[in-house]
Amino acid sequence: MFPDYSMDSKVSYITEQGVTDYSNRLLEAIKFSRTKNTLNGRGRLTELGLDSKSVAQKIISLYESII
């Protein structure tokens, strides 16, 4: 139901479970975006039609399909 859009990304990070590793990867992503100026998260969400209403509807549909 939810496609994996990560393959369209120029940059991705895999983290271990835990706040420290997640925080470190997030900082790396922020530094990368500032130096390379290639990340366009908000624009990509718009392209994919992933506004809050459509995402909420997808979640509701998923729950309804499970119940």
Protein backbone atom coordinates (compact mmCIF):
# COMPACT_ATOMS: atom_id res chain seq x y z
CA MET A 1 0.00 0.00 0.00
CA PHE A 2 2.87 2.36 0.77
CA PRO A 3 5.49 2.43 -1.99
CA ASP A 4 9.13 2.77 -1.07
CA TYR A 5 10.21 6.16 -2.38
CA SER A 6 13.68 5.97 -0.84
CA MET A 7 15.19 4.65 -4.07
CA ASP A 8 14.48 8.03 -5.67
CA SER A 9 16.63 9.71 -3.06
CA LYS A 10 20.17 10.82 -3.80
CA VAL A 11 21.09 10.39 -0.16
CA SER A 12 19.88 7.98 2.47
CA TYR A 13 21.16 6.82 5.82
CA ILE A 14 20.65 3.58 7.69
CA THR A 15 20.67 3.85 11.45
CA GLU A 16 20.88 1.53 14.38
CA GLN A 17 18.03 1.63 16.86
CA GLY A 18 18.68 4.35 19.36
CA VAL A 19 18.64 8.06 19.75
CA THR A 20 22.39 8.61 19.45
CA ASP A 21 22.85 6.95 16.07
CA TYR A 22 19.65 8.44 14.71
CA SER A 23 20.77 11.90 15.84
CA ASN A 24 24.17 11.45 14.23
CA ARG A 25 22.68 10.40 10.89
CA LEU A 26 20.22 13.29 11.01
CA LEU A 27 23.08 15.73 11.56
CA GLU A 28 24.96 14.17 8.63
CA ALA A 29 21.91 14.65 6.41
CA ILE A 30 21.54 18.28 7.48
CA LYS A 31 25.24 18.97 6.85
CA PHE A 32 25.01 17.29 3.46
CA SER A 33 21.98 19.33 2.45
CA ARG A 34 23.70 22.55 3.45
CA THR A 35 26.93 21.79 1.58
CA LYS A 36 25.53 20.11 -1.52
CA ASN A 37 22.19 21.92 -1.66
CA THR A 38 20.63 18.86 -3.30
CA LEU A 39 17.93 17.81 -0.87
CA ASN A 40 14.44 18.96 -1.65
CA GLY A 41 12.30 17.09 0.86
CA ARG A 42 9.31 19.42 0.86
CA GLY A 43 9.27 19.61 -2.92
CA ARG A 44 9.53 15.83 -3.19
CA LEU A 45 6.59 15.38 -0.80
CA THR A 46 4.56 17.73 -2.96
CA GLU A 47 5.51 15.81 -6.12
CA LEU A 48 4.38 12.57 -4.49
CA GLY A 49 1.11 14.07 -3.26
CA LEU A 50 2.00 13.33 0.34
CA ASP A 51 0.14 16.08 2.13
CA SER A 52 -1.23 15.48 5.63
CA LYS A 53 -4.78 14.73 4.42
CA SER A 54 -3.75 12.14 1.85
CA VAL A 55 -1.35 10.45 4.27
CA ALA A 56 -4.06 10.35 6.95
CA GLN A 57 -6.46 8.78 4.45
CA LYS A 58 -3.88 6.14 3.52
CA ILE A 59 -3.38 5.28 7.20
CA ILE A 60 -7.15 5.03 7.75
CA SER A 61 -7.48 2.80 4.69
CA LEU A 62 -4.69 0.58 5.97
CA TYR A 63 -6.33 0.19 9.37
CA GLU A 64 -9.71 -0.50 7.79
CA SER A 65 -8.20 -3.19 5.57
CA ILE A 66 -6.70 -4.89 8.63
CA ILE A 67 -9.85 -4.80 10.77
